[in-house]
Amino acid sequence: MSEPAPKKTRFDSPPEVKFTKIFINNEWHDSVSGKTFPTLNPTSGEKICDVAEGDKEDVEKAVAAAQEAFKLGSPWRTMDASERGRLLNKLADLIERDREYLARLETLDNGKPYKDSYGIDLPLTYKCYRYYAGWSDKIHGKTIPIDGSYFSFTRHEPIGVCAQIIPWNFPLLMQAWKLAPALCCGNTIILKPAEQTPLTALYIASLIVEAGFPPGVVNIVPGYGPTAGAALSSHPDVDKVAFTGSTEVGHLIMQAAGASNLKNVTLELGGKSPNIILADADIDHAVETSHFALFFNQGQCCCAGSRCFVEESIYDEFVRKSVQRAKKRKVSHPLDPDCEQGPQVDQEQFDKVMGLIDSGKKEGAKLECGGNRVGDQGYYVEPTVFSDVQDDMRIAKEEIFGPVMQIMKFKTLDEVIERANRTTYGLAASVFTRDLEKAMMLAQGIRAGTIWINCYDVLEVQAPFGGYKKSGSGRELGEYGLRQYSEIKTVTMKIPQKNS
């Protein structure tokens, strides 16, 4: 999954921030209000730079640009589908060309280890654009043999103007998950990056121009959710909104879409994913993979394996080995070549994690290791493991989004299926076992959009991803992801005579 970063990961200075304005019609603009907001370095809490703060007036400009680019007869609408694919491939090539710079910028703004930005996020990003580049001229309808003397067929048409709101945990990758399928299908876009991490999204805007996309096809408006995000969600001329983030905000977006023009909505929301280890599993593999499932990206993954259910007969051994592994996890500056864990993204997230750790202690879970802040600067949290966790504790129910592992005990398959499903979420789950029948029983019994067996976080662009219940609606990635950005039109024409 990971590609090694260059050996030199100690840099004399942070990367230059080249773009901080709003991107509309392939041009850079100050916000209409003239306001800016700071983006902060999670390793220190210090300001990196100020970014133009888009709000309703800027959204209006961006929507107008996207509408103009989507008009019948425009360069974008009349472009060959294969040419859309060529532009997406060109964008992927430019991202790969600038891979080191983008990885450094992502680490500066987000705080994730540089080796992860370079070795995981960047390859997955340009692979996503290349995958959908290949689909561009392979999206087509069907001829349908309806009764009577008629010729009937379907067309797959772009939805139109799409608003896309992305989170801060994987800024480059989430931008690719949104832009690539939407552009592949021929839509135009206004994308709002998370206010915590706008910098790489704005740099990608410069590459969109360099790749040759026509003006107005992609517009990027940095700003806050309650202003810019709300304006996009409720705009009557936005045909679709796609959002990745919290379930709480997902509710607001659905309400805004319903109260405005009933726009098409795709949501990828929170999770509290069960990670189930049976007694017959390879325990060392299960321990290491469960560690990765929870602690990867500082625990800031919507699909993190955050409810670890372990069969009773191996529970004590699993806890002991998991604690040993957590204590070895290296927390350090993200540019350290050996860094496994950097800081949480900001003060708000740090405070949330520490508050939930405190609740675990108060509610009677056993703190096996961690639980404290690391250092006195930045938003670093010790890798934390709780055992003896009960299902009704806050740490077992709420999405922590941090490096906090909860390990629970179970006796039977029926019991663990019932407990795994006893949640409002349904994003992902995993099973560790050597028994194929048990694996299939659990995979079919757990209500979640993705089930991993003897692995975790295998998120490749070819396979769809999305959730059940309050974890969202619709699917991203793979051929299924194209359905979220296409309208199906039926065309039926009367003919003099139909012949088989």
Foldseek 3Di string as FASTA:
>chain_A
DWDFDPPPLDDPDAFDQDDAAWFAQLDGDAEPVNDWDFAAFQQFRHTPDTHRAHFLVVLVRLLVLQQVCQDPPHCLNPDDLLVLLQLLLQLLVVLVVCLLNLLRLLCRLFVAFSSCSNTPLSVQLSLLSNVLSVCLNVDAWAWDPDPDQKTKIKGWAFQEEEEEEEESLRQRNSVSLPPRLQSSRRYAYEYEYALNRCRSVRVSSNSSVVSPDGTSRYIYHYHHCVGHVLSQLQPQSHQEYEYEEALVVVVVSCVSCVVHNVHQYWYQHAAAAAEEEEPAFPLVLSLVQLLCLQCASQNQDRRRNAEYEYEPVCQVVSQVVNLVVLVPQDEDRSSPSRHRDTFGSHDVLLVLLLVLLVQCVVVDWAWPDWSDADDDGGHRGRQTETEPDDCPGCSNADRSSGNYHYYYYDHDLVVVLVSSQPHQWAFEYEYGHPDPVSRVVSVVSHAHDYYYYSHHPPDHQQDWGHTPGSSIDAITGHPSNSVSGIDMDMDMGRDPGDDD
